[in-house]
Amino acid sequence: MSTAKKALYAAVGAGDLALEQAKTLPKRVTALPTTIRNSASDLPSKATQFPSETLERVSSVAKSAATRVDKATIKARKRGTKQFTELAKRGEKLVKRISRSAPTKRAIEQTKAARSRVKAAATSVRKASRANGQAVGAAAEAVVEQAG
């Protein structure tokens, strides 16, 4: 599959995923006050542990920062590639499902029929225009002959 096609499918897949996530939003928003309340009750105990934990974390992170950054970059790249591929597959499935659906097939047939009717109408208008031009020319000749 070409990169451009894969990118298009990934965009469609991302839109589909966003729509799916948006459907769950009301439920998550409704549960948010409970989640916040539960987290807030843990704050005093976490606050007392914070200074000592922070010093330990800073020391640990400083010692292995370069290695961790390299590993994180590699992981992020792999995860991004995997997600892009999954979105492309999701988008491709959606596009195929839509293109195979009965309403889509009806729309395509109706479009073909409409295109044919428009082409026929354009031909009729072109012929009528020529006929009118010839009639006007004949009428003008007749007027000139009578005035003559």
N, C-alpha and C. Protein backbone atom coordinates (compact mmCIF):
# COMPACT_ATOMS: atom_id res chain seq x y z
N MET A 1 0.85 -1.17 0.00
CA MET A 1 0.00 0.00 0.00
C MET A 1 0.90 1.23 0.00
N SER A 2 0.53 2.22 -0.80
CA SER A 2 1.35 3.43 -0.89
C SER A 2 1.25 4.23 0.41
N THR A 3 2.25 5.04 0.65
CA THR A 3 2.29 5.84 1.87
C THR A 3 1.14 6.83 1.91
N ALA A 4 0.83 7.43 0.77
CA ALA A 4 -0.27 8.40 0.73
C ALA A 4 -1.60 7.73 1.04
N LYS A 5 -1.81 6.55 0.47
CA LYS A 5 -3.04 5.81 0.72
C LYS A 5 -3.13 5.40 2.19
N LYS A 6 -2.00 4.96 2.72
CA LYS A 6 -1.95 4.54 4.12
C LYS A 6 -2.24 5.74 5.03
N ALA A 7 -1.70 6.91 4.68
CA ALA A 7 -1.95 8.11 5.47
C ALA A 7 -3.42 8.50 5.43
N LEU A 8 -4.04 8.37 4.26
CA LEU A 8 -5.47 8.68 4.13
C LEU A 8 -6.29 7.72 4.98
N TYR A 9 -5.98 6.44 4.90
CA TYR A 9 -6.68 5.46 5.73
C TYR A 9 -6.47 5.73 7.21
N ALA A 10 -5.26 6.13 7.58
CA ALA A 10 -4.97 6.44 8.98
C ALA A 10 -5.80 7.64 9.45
N ALA A 11 -5.97 8.62 8.58
CA ALA A 11 -6.80 9.78 8.93
C ALA A 11 -8.25 9.36 9.13
N VAL A 12 -8.75 8.51 8.26
CA VAL A 12 -10.13 8.01 8.40
C VAL A 12 -10.24 7.19 9.69
N GLY A 13 -9.23 6.36 9.95
CA GLY A 13 -9.23 5.55 11.17
C GLY A 13 -9.19 6.42 12.42
N ALA A 14 -8.41 7.49 12.38
CA ALA A 14 -8.34 8.40 13.53
C ALA A 14 -9.68 9.08 13.76
N GLY A 15 -10.35 9.45 12.69
CA GLY A 15 -11.67 10.05 12.83
C GLY A 15 -12.67 9.08 13.42
N ASP A 16 -12.61 7.83 12.97
CA ASP A 16 -13.49 6.80 13.50
C ASP A 16 -13.22 6.56 14.98
N LEU A 17 -11.94 6.50 15.35
CA LEU A 17 -11.56 6.31 16.75
C LEU A 17 -12.03 7.50 17.60
N ALA A 18 -11.87 8.71 17.08
CA ALA A 18 -12.31 9.90 17.81
C ALA A 18 -13.81 9.87 18.05
N LEU A 19 -14.55 9.45 17.05
CA LEU A 19 -16.01 9.34 17.19
C LEU A 19 -16.37 8.31 18.24
N GLU A 20 -15.67 7.19 18.22
CA GLU A 20 -15.91 6.13 19.21
C GLU A 20 -15.63 6.64 20.63
N GLN A 21 -14.52 7.37 20.78
CA GLN A 21 -14.16 7.91 22.09
C GLN A 21 -15.17 8.98 22.53
N ALA A 22 -15.65 9.78 21.59
CA ALA A 22 -16.62 10.83 21.92
C ALA A 22 -17.93 10.23 22.44
N LYS A 23 -18.27 9.05 21.97
CA LYS A 23 -19.50 8.40 22.43
C LYS A 23 -19.40 8.02 23.90
N THR A 24 -18.18 7.75 24.41
CA THR A 24 -18.01 7.37 25.81
C THR A 24 -17.82 8.58 26.71
N LEU A 25 -17.70 9.76 26.14
CA LEU A 25 -17.41 10.97 26.90
C LEU A 25 -18.45 11.28 27.99
N PRO A 26 -19.74 11.24 27.71
CA PRO A 26 -20.71 11.55 28.77
C PRO A 26 -20.56 10.66 30.00
N LYS A 27 -20.31 9.39 29.78
CA LYS A 27 -20.14 8.46 30.90
C LYS A 27 -18.91 8.81 31.72
N ARG A 28 -17.80 9.16 31.04
CA ARG A 28 -16.58 9.51 31.75
C ARG A 28 -16.72 10.82 32.50
N VAL A 29 -17.41 11.79 31.92
CA VAL A 29 -17.61 13.09 32.58
C VAL A 29 -18.49 12.92 33.82
N THR A 30 -19.48 12.05 33.73
CA THR A 30 -20.35 11.79 34.86
C THR A 30 -19.57 11.17 36.02
N ALA A 31 -18.60 10.32 35.72
CA ALA A 31 -17.81 9.65 36.75
C ALA A 31 -16.68 10.52 37.30
N LEU A 32 -16.40 11.64 36.66
CA LEU A 32 -15.28 12.48 37.05
C LEU A 32 -15.35 13.00 38.49
N PRO A 33 -16.47 13.52 38.99
CA PRO A 33 -16.49 14.00 40.37
C PRO A 33 -16.10 12.93 41.39
N THR A 34 -16.53 11.70 41.18
CA THR A 34 -16.18 10.62 42.09
C THR A 34 -14.68 10.35 42.04
N THR A 35 -14.13 10.34 40.86
CA THR A 35 -12.69 10.10 40.70
C THR A 35 -11.88 11.20 41.39
N ILE A 36 -12.30 12.43 41.21
CA ILE A 36 -11.59 13.56 41.83
C ILE A 36 -11.70 13.47 43.36
N ARG A 37 -12.88 13.16 43.86
CA ARG A 37 -13.10 13.05 45.30
C ARG A 37 -12.18 11.97 45.90
N ASN A 38 -12.09 10.81 45.23
CA ASN A 38 -11.24 9.73 45.72
C ASN A 38 -9.77 10.13 45.69
N SER A 39 -9.34 10.81 44.66
CA SER A 39 -7.95 11.25 44.56
C SER A 39 -7.62 12.32 45.60
N ALA A 40 -8.56 13.20 45.86
CA ALA A 40 -8.33 14.29 46.82
C ALA A 40 -8.15 13.75 48.23
N SER A 41 -8.79 12.66 48.58
CA SER A 41 -8.66 12.12 49.93
C SER A 41 -7.26 11.55 50.16
N ASP A 42 -6.55 11.18 49.12
CA ASP A 42 -5.19 10.65 49.24
C ASP A 42 -4.12 11.74 49.28
N LEU A 43 -4.48 12.97 49.01
CA LEU A 43 -3.49 14.05 48.90
C LEU A 43 -2.67 14.29 50.18
N PRO A 44 -3.27 14.34 51.37
CA PRO A 44 -2.43 14.61 52.55
C PRO A 44 -1.31 13.58 52.75
N SER A 45 -1.61 12.30 52.56
CA SER A 45 -0.56 11.29 52.75
C SER A 45 0.50 11.38 51.66
N LYS A 46 0.08 11.70 50.46
CA LYS A 46 1.05 11.86 49.36
C LYS A 46 1.93 13.08 49.57
N ALA A 47 1.36 14.13 50.15
CA ALA A 47 2.11 15.37 50.36
C ALA A 47 3.25 15.17 51.35
N THR A 48 3.04 14.35 52.38
CA THR A 48 4.11 14.13 53.35
C THR A 48 5.24 13.29 52.77
N GLN A 49 4.95 12.41 51.83
CA GLN A 49 5.96 11.55 51.23
C GLN A 49 6.70 12.26 50.08
N PHE A 50 6.14 13.31 49.58
CA PHE A 50 6.64 13.97 48.39
C PHE A 50 8.10 14.41 48.47
N PRO A 51 8.55 15.12 49.53
CA PRO A 51 9.95 15.61 49.51
C PRO A 51 10.98 14.50 49.43
N SER A 52 10.85 13.44 50.20
CA SER A 52 11.86 12.39 50.17
C SER A 52 11.80 11.59 48.86
N GLU A 53 10.61 11.33 48.37
CA GLU A 53 10.46 10.60 47.11
C GLU A 53 11.04 11.41 45.95
N THR A 54 10.83 12.69 45.99
CA THR A 54 11.30 13.55 44.91
C THR A 54 12.82 13.54 44.84
N LEU A 55 13.49 13.64 45.97
CA LEU A 55 14.95 13.63 45.98
C LEU A 55 15.48 12.30 45.43
N GLU A 56 14.87 11.20 45.83
CA GLU A 56 15.29 9.89 45.33
C GLU A 56 15.07 9.79 43.82
N ARG A 57 13.94 10.26 43.37
CA ARG A 57 13.63 10.20 41.94
C ARG A 57 14.61 11.04 41.12
N VAL A 58 14.89 12.23 41.59
CA VAL A 58 15.80 13.12 40.86
C VAL A 58 17.18 12.48 40.74
N SER A 59 17.67 11.90 41.83
CA SER A 59 18.98 11.24 41.80
C SER A 59 18.99 10.08 40.81
N SER A 60 17.96 9.28 40.85
CA SER A 60 17.87 8.12 39.97
C SER A 60 17.78 8.54 38.51
N VAL A 61 16.95 9.52 38.25
CA VAL A 61 16.77 9.98 36.86
C VAL A 61 18.05 10.60 36.32
N ALA A 62 18.72 11.37 37.13
CA ALA A 62 19.96 12.03 36.68
C ALA A 62 21.02 11.02 36.30
N LYS A 63 21.08 9.92 37.02
CA LYS A 63 22.11 8.90 36.75
C LYS A 63 21.89 8.19 35.42
N SER A 64 20.66 7.97 35.07
CA SER A 64 20.40 7.17 33.87
C SER A 64 19.62 7.94 32.81
N ALA A 65 19.75 9.24 32.79
CA ALA A 65 18.96 10.08 31.88
C ALA A 65 19.18 9.76 30.41
N ALA A 66 20.40 9.69 29.97
CA ALA A 66 20.69 9.46 28.55
C ALA A 66 20.14 8.11 28.08
N THR A 67 20.37 7.09 28.88
CA THR A 67 19.87 5.76 28.51
C THR A 67 18.36 5.75 28.46
N ARG A 68 17.75 6.39 29.43
CA ARG A 68 16.29 6.42 29.49
C ARG A 68 15.70 7.20 28.31
N VAL A 69 16.36 8.29 27.96
CA VAL A 69 15.87 9.08 26.82
C VAL A 69 15.95 8.26 25.54
N ASP A 70 17.07 7.56 25.34
CA ASP A 70 17.21 6.73 24.15
C ASP A 70 16.13 5.65 24.10
N LYS A 71 15.94 4.97 25.22
CA LYS A 71 14.93 3.90 25.27
C LYS A 71 13.53 4.47 25.05
N ALA A 72 13.26 5.61 25.67
CA ALA A 72 11.94 6.23 25.52
C ALA A 72 11.70 6.65 24.07
N THR A 73 12.74 7.17 23.42
CA THR A 73 12.60 7.58 22.02
C THR A 73 12.31 6.38 21.13
N ILE A 74 13.04 5.31 21.34
CA ILE A 74 12.82 4.09 20.55
C ILE A 74 11.42 3.55 20.78
N LYS A 75 11.01 3.51 22.06
CA LYS A 75 9.67 3.03 22.39
C LYS A 75 8.59 3.89 21.75
N ALA A 76 8.77 5.21 21.85
CA ALA A 76 7.79 6.13 21.29
C ALA A 76 7.67 5.97 19.78
N ARG A 77 8.81 5.80 19.11
CA ARG A 77 8.81 5.61 17.66
C ARG A 77 8.07 4.32 17.30
N LYS A 78 8.38 3.25 18.02
CA LYS A 78 7.71 1.97 17.74
C LYS A 78 6.22 2.07 18.01
N ARG A 79 5.87 2.71 19.13
CA ARG A 79 4.46 2.85 19.48
C ARG A 79 3.72 3.71 18.44
N GLY A 80 4.38 4.79 18.00
CA GLY A 80 3.77 5.65 16.99
C GLY A 80 3.56 4.92 15.67
N THR A 81 4.56 4.15 15.27
CA THR A 81 4.45 3.37 14.03
C THR A 81 3.33 2.35 14.14
N LYS A 82 3.27 1.69 15.29
CA LYS A 82 2.23 0.68 15.51
C LYS A 82 0.84 1.32 15.49
N GLN A 83 0.69 2.45 16.17
CA GLN A 83 -0.61 3.13 16.20
C GLN A 83 -1.00 3.62 14.81
N PHE A 84 -0.03 4.15 14.07
CA PHE A 84 -0.30 4.61 12.71
C PHE A 84 -0.80 3.44 11.85
N THR A 85 -0.12 2.30 11.96
CA THR A 85 -0.52 1.11 11.20
C THR A 85 -1.91 0.64 11.61
N GLU A 86 -2.19 0.65 12.91
CA GLU A 86 -3.50 0.23 13.38
C GLU A 86 -4.60 1.18 12.90
N LEU A 87 -4.31 2.48 12.92
CA LEU A 87 -5.29 3.45 12.41
C LEU A 87 -5.51 3.27 10.92
N ALA A 88 -4.44 2.99 10.18
CA ALA A 88 -4.57 2.76 8.74
C ALA A 88 -5.44 1.53 8.47
N LYS A 89 -5.23 0.46 9.23
CA LYS A 89 -6.05 -0.74 9.06
C LYS A 89 -7.50 -0.46 9.40
N ARG A 90 -7.71 0.28 10.49
CA ARG A 90 -9.07 0.63 10.91
C ARG A 90 -9.76 1.46 9.83
N GLY A 91 -9.04 2.44 9.30
CA GLY A 91 -9.60 3.29 8.25
C GLY A 91 -9.90 2.51 6.99
N GLU A 92 -9.00 1.59 6.62
CA GLU A 92 -9.21 0.78 5.42
C GLU A 92 -10.45 -0.09 5.57
N LYS A 93 -10.62 -0.68 6.75
CA LYS A 93 -11.82 -1.50 6.99
C LYS A 93 -13.09 -0.66 6.88
N LEU A 94 -13.05 0.54 7.45
CA LEU A 94 -14.21 1.42 7.40
C LEU A 94 -14.53 1.82 5.96
N VAL A 95 -13.50 2.19 5.21
CA VAL A 95 -13.70 2.58 3.81
C VAL A 95 -14.29 1.42 3.01
N LYS A 96 -13.76 0.22 3.21
CA LYS A 96 -14.28 -0.95 2.50
C LYS A 96 -15.72 -1.23 2.89
N ARG A 97 -16.01 -1.14 4.20
CA ARG A 97 -17.38 -1.40 4.66
C ARG A 97 -18.36 -0.39 4.05
N ILE A 98 -17.94 0.86 4.01
CA ILE A 98 -18.81 1.90 3.43
C ILE A 98 -18.98 1.70 1.93
N SER A 99 -17.88 1.39 1.25
CA SER A 99 -17.96 1.25 -0.21
C SER A 99 -18.77 0.03 -0.62
N ARG A 100 -18.85 -0.97 0.25
CA ARG A 100 -19.63 -2.17 -0.06
C ARG A 100 -21.08 -2.05 0.40
N SER A 101 -21.43 -1.01 1.10
CA SER A 101 -22.78 -0.89 1.65
C SER A 101 -23.79 -0.60 0.55
N ALA A 102 -25.01 -1.03 0.79
CA ALA A 102 -26.09 -0.84 -0.19
C ALA A 102 -26.36 0.64 -0.47
N PRO A 103 -26.42 1.52 0.56
CA PRO A 103 -26.66 2.93 0.25
C PRO A 103 -25.58 3.55 -0.64
N THR A 104 -24.33 3.14 -0.43
CA THR A 104 -23.25 3.66 -1.26
C THR A 104 -23.40 3.19 -2.70
N LYS A 105 -23.74 1.91 -2.87
CA LYS A 105 -23.93 1.39 -4.22
C LYS A 105 -25.09 2.09 -4.92
N ARG A 106 -26.18 2.35 -4.17
CA ARG A 106 -27.31 3.07 -4.76
C ARG A 106 -26.89 4.48 -5.15
N ALA A 107 -26.14 5.14 -4.30
CA ALA A 107 -25.68 6.50 -4.60
C ALA A 107 -24.81 6.53 -5.85
N ILE A 108 -23.95 5.54 -5.99
CA ILE A 108 -23.08 5.47 -7.18
C ILE A 108 -23.93 5.29 -8.43
N GLU A 109 -24.91 4.38 -8.38
CA GLU A 109 -25.78 4.16 -9.53
C GLU A 109 -26.58 5.41 -9.87
N GLN A 110 -27.10 6.08 -8.83
CA GLN A 110 -27.86 7.30 -9.06
C GLN A 110 -26.98 8.39 -9.66
N THR A 111 -25.74 8.44 -9.24
CA THR A 111 -24.81 9.42 -9.77
C THR A 111 -24.53 9.14 -11.25
N LYS A 112 -24.35 7.86 -11.60
CA LYS A 112 -24.12 7.50 -13.00
C LYS A 112 -25.33 7.89 -13.85
N ALA A 113 -26.54 7.59 -13.33
CA ALA A 113 -27.76 7.92 -14.08
C ALA A 113 -27.89 9.44 -14.23
N ALA A 114 -27.62 10.17 -13.15
CA ALA A 114 -27.72 11.63 -13.21
C ALA A 114 -26.71 12.20 -14.19
N ARG A 115 -25.49 11.65 -14.18
CA ARG A 115 -24.45 12.11 -15.11
C ARG A 115 -24.91 11.91 -16.55
N SER A 116 -25.51 10.76 -16.81
CA SER A 116 -26.01 10.46 -18.15
C SER A 116 -27.12 11.44 -18.55
N ARG A 117 -28.03 11.73 -17.62
CA ARG A 117 -29.12 12.68 -17.92
C ARG A 117 -28.58 14.09 -18.16
N VAL A 118 -27.57 14.48 -17.38
CA VAL A 118 -26.98 15.82 -17.55
C VAL A 118 -26.30 15.90 -18.91
N LYS A 119 -25.60 14.84 -19.30
CA LYS A 119 -24.94 14.82 -20.60
C LYS A 119 -25.97 14.93 -21.73
N ALA A 120 -27.08 14.19 -21.59
CA ALA A 120 -28.14 14.24 -22.60
C ALA A 120 -28.77 15.63 -22.65
N ALA A 121 -28.97 16.22 -21.48
CA ALA A 121 -29.56 17.57 -21.44
C ALA A 121 -28.62 18.58 -22.09
N ALA A 122 -27.34 18.45 -21.84
CA ALA A 122 -26.36 19.37 -22.45
C ALA A 122 -26.39 19.23 -23.97
N THR A 123 -26.50 18.01 -24.46
CA THR A 123 -26.58 17.78 -25.90
C THR A 123 -27.85 18.42 -26.47
N SER A 124 -28.97 18.24 -25.76
CA SER A 124 -30.24 18.84 -26.21
C SER A 124 -30.16 20.36 -26.23
N VAL A 125 -29.57 20.94 -25.23
CA VAL A 125 -29.43 22.40 -25.17
C VAL A 125 -28.54 22.88 -26.30
N ARG A 126 -27.45 22.15 -26.56
CA ARG A 126 -26.54 22.53 -27.65
C ARG A 126 -27.28 22.50 -28.99
N LYS A 127 -28.05 21.43 -29.22
CA LYS A 127 -28.79 21.32 -30.49
C LYS A 127 -29.85 22.39 -30.60
N ALA A 128 -30.56 22.65 -29.48
CA ALA A 128 -31.60 23.68 -29.50
C ALA A 128 -30.99 25.05 -29.75
N SER A 129 -29.82 25.29 -29.19
CA SER A 129 -29.14 26.57 -29.38
C SER A 129 -28.76 26.76 -30.85
N ARG A 130 -28.25 25.69 -31.47
CA ARG A 130 -27.92 25.77 -32.90
C ARG A 130 -29.16 26.02 -33.74
N ALA A 131 -30.23 25.30 -33.39
CA ALA A 131 -31.48 25.46 -34.15
C ALA A 131 -32.01 26.88 -33.99
N ASN A 132 -31.94 27.43 -32.78
CA ASN A 132 -32.38 28.81 -32.57
C ASN A 132 -31.53 29.79 -33.35
N GLY A 133 -30.21 29.52 -33.35
CA GLY A 133 -29.32 30.40 -34.12
C GLY A 133 -29.66 30.37 -35.61
N GLN A 134 -29.95 29.18 -36.13
CA GLN A 134 -30.31 29.06 -37.54
C GLN A 134 -31.66 29.73 -37.81
N ALA A 135 -32.61 29.58 -36.87
CA ALA A 135 -33.93 30.21 -37.04
C ALA A 135 -33.82 31.72 -37.03
N VAL A 136 -32.98 32.24 -36.13
CA VAL A 136 -32.78 33.69 -36.08
C VAL A 136 -32.14 34.16 -37.38
N GLY A 137 -31.16 33.40 -37.86
CA GLY A 137 -30.51 33.77 -39.12
C GLY A 137 -31.50 33.77 -40.28
N ALA A 138 -32.36 32.74 -40.33
CA ALA A 138 -33.36 32.66 -41.40
C ALA A 138 -34.37 33.80 -41.29
N ALA A 139 -34.78 34.12 -40.06
CA ALA A 139 -35.72 35.22 -39.86
C ALA A 139 -35.09 36.55 -40.28
N ALA A 140 -33.83 36.71 -39.95
CA ALA A 140 -33.14 37.96 -40.33
C ALA A 140 -33.04 38.08 -41.84
N GLU A 141 -32.79 36.96 -42.53
CA GLU A 141 -32.73 36.99 -44.00
C GLU A 141 -34.09 37.34 -44.58
N ALA A 142 -35.14 36.79 -43.97
CA ALA A 142 -36.49 37.06 -44.46
C ALA A 142 -36.84 38.53 -44.29
N VAL A 143 -36.46 39.10 -43.16
CA VAL A 143 -36.73 40.52 -42.90
C VAL A 143 -35.97 41.38 -43.90
N VAL A 144 -34.73 41.01 -44.19
CA VAL A 144 -33.90 41.77 -45.11
C VAL A 144 -34.51 41.69 -46.51
N GLU A 145 -34.99 40.49 -46.91
CA GLU A 145 -35.59 40.33 -48.24
C GLU A 145 -36.86 41.15 -48.36
N GLN A 146 -37.68 41.14 -47.30
CA GLN A 146 -38.94 41.89 -47.36
C GLN A 146 -38.68 43.39 -47.34
N ALA A 147 -37.66 43.81 -46.63
CA ALA A 147 -37.35 45.23 -46.54
C ALA A 147 -36.68 45.70 -47.84
N GLY A 148 -36.08 44.72 -48.49
CA GLY A 148 -35.29 44.91 -49.59
C GLY A 148 -35.29 45.74 -50.68
